[in-house]
Amino acid sequence: TLAELIGQFVDFIVQTLVLLLEALQGVHCLLVLSLQLVQFVGVGTGLLRGGLQLSADLLALGLPLGNLLVDQTLFLLELSSGGVSPLNVDHEVLHLASQPVLG
C-alpha cells in the first residue's frame, strides 16, 4: 500500500541520514587525530631539540674532562720516558693541547 511505501521511504531516508552522520563523525575524528598528530610531532621535535641541547651541554661539560685525559697521557709518557732514555718528548706541546680552546 501507499502507507507502507511511504514508511519504507522514510526508513531509507533515516538510514541514509544516520550513515551520513556516522561518516561525518568519522571525518571529525580523523581531523582531531591529525591535529593531535601535529601536536605530537611538535612534542617529538621539541624532545629531539632538547636532547641535542643536552648533548651539546654535556659535550661542553666534558671539555674540562678532556684535560684529564691529556694529563693522564702526559703521566704515562713521563713514566715511560724515565726508563727509556731516547724517548724525550717535548711536554710543552702536549700542555698546549690541554689548554681549553672555548674559554
Protein backbone atom coordinates (compact mmCIF):
# COMPACT_ATOMS: atom_id res chain seq x y z
CA THR A 1 0.00 0.00 0.00
CA LEU A 2 0.92 3.63 -0.18
CA ALA A 3 1.39 3.97 3.60
CA GLU A 4 3.89 1.06 3.63
CA LEU A 5 5.75 2.57 0.68
CA ILE A 6 6.00 5.96 2.41
CA GLY A 7 7.12 4.21 5.63
CA GLN A 8 9.87 2.35 3.75
CA PHE A 9 10.96 5.58 2.07
CA VAL A 10 11.14 7.38 5.43
CA ASP A 11 13.13 4.46 6.89
CA PHE A 12 15.51 4.63 3.92
CA ILE A 13 15.99 8.40 4.42
CA VAL A 14 16.59 7.90 8.17
CA GLN A 15 19.17 5.17 7.49
CA THR A 16 20.86 7.39 4.91
CA LEU A 17 20.99 10.29 7.35
CA VAL A 18 22.36 8.01 10.09
CA LEU A 19 25.09 6.75 7.75
CA LEU A 20 25.87 10.32 6.72
CA LEU A 21 26.12 11.36 10.36
CA GLU A 22 28.45 8.42 11.11
CA ALA A 23 30.59 9.37 8.11
CA LEU A 24 30.78 12.97 9.33
CA GLN A 25 31.76 11.74 12.80
CA GLY A 26 34.50 9.64 11.17
CA VAL A 27 35.81 12.68 9.29
CA HIS A 28 35.68 14.72 12.51
CA CYS A 29 37.67 12.04 14.34
CA LEU A 30 40.25 11.99 11.54
CA LEU A 31 40.63 15.76 11.76
CA VAL A 32 41.02 15.63 15.53
CA LEU A 33 43.58 12.83 15.23
CA SER A 34 45.52 14.74 12.59
CA LEU A 35 45.66 17.78 14.86
CA GLN A 36 46.84 15.60 17.72
CA LEU A 37 49.45 14.08 15.42
CA VAL A 38 50.71 17.55 14.55
CA GLN A 39 50.96 18.37 18.26
CA PHE A 40 52.70 15.06 18.89
CA VAL A 41 55.22 15.76 16.13
CA GLY A 42 55.82 19.16 17.72
CA VAL A 43 56.47 17.48 21.06
CA GLY A 44 58.77 14.93 19.40
CA THR A 45 60.69 17.71 17.68
CA GLY A 46 60.96 19.57 20.97
CA LEU A 47 62.27 16.43 22.67
CA LEU A 48 64.81 15.94 19.88
CA ARG A 49 65.92 19.56 20.17
CA GLY A 50 66.16 19.23 23.95
CA GLY A 51 68.20 16.04 23.58
CA LEU A 52 70.57 17.75 21.17
CA GLN A 53 70.89 20.70 23.54
CA LEU A 54 71.58 18.33 26.42
CA SER A 55 74.21 16.53 24.34
CA ALA A 56 75.83 19.86 23.49
CA ASP A 57 75.81 20.86 27.16
CA LEU A 58 77.31 17.54 28.17
CA LEU A 59 79.95 17.90 25.48
CA ALA A 60 80.76 21.38 26.75
CA LEU A 61 80.91 19.93 30.26
CA GLY A 62 83.18 17.14 29.01
CA LEU A 63 85.77 19.55 27.63
CA PRO A 64 87.43 20.05 31.03
CA LEU A 65 87.42 16.28 31.43
CA GLY A 66 89.43 16.10 28.21
CA ASN A 67 92.24 17.80 30.08
CA LEU A 68 92.25 14.86 32.46
CA LEU A 69 92.90 12.52 29.55
CA VAL A 70 95.79 14.69 28.37
CA ASP A 71 97.20 14.79 31.90
CA GLN A 72 96.98 11.01 32.14
CA THR A 73 98.73 10.68 28.79
CA LEU A 74 101.47 13.02 29.99
CA PHE A 75 101.83 10.99 33.16
CA LEU A 76 102.19 7.76 31.18
CA LEU A 77 104.75 9.40 28.90
CA GLU A 78 106.71 10.62 31.90
CA LEU A 79 106.69 7.13 33.39
CA SER A 80 107.79 5.53 30.14
CA SER A 81 110.41 8.18 29.38
CA GLY A 82 112.05 7.59 32.76
CA GLY A 83 113.03 4.06 31.80
CA VAL A 84 113.94 4.72 28.18
CA SER A 85 116.46 7.49 27.62
CA PRO A 86 115.96 8.10 23.84
CA LEU A 87 112.31 8.98 24.44
CA ASN A 88 112.47 12.70 25.14
CA VAL A 89 109.14 14.28 24.33
CA ASP A 90 108.59 17.99 24.40
CA HIS A 91 105.91 18.09 27.07
CA GLU A 92 105.12 21.72 26.41
CA VAL A 93 103.42 20.75 23.13
CA LEU A 94 101.16 18.39 25.00
CA HIS A 95 100.49 21.02 27.65
CA LEU A 96 99.36 23.42 24.92
CA ALA A 97 96.95 20.76 23.72
CA SER A 98 95.49 20.58 27.20
CA GLN A 99 94.61 24.30 27.27
CA PRO A 100 90.87 24.97 26.87
CA VAL A 101 90.03 26.40 23.47
CA LEU A 102 86.49 27.58 24.12
CA GLY A 103 87.38 29.63 27.15
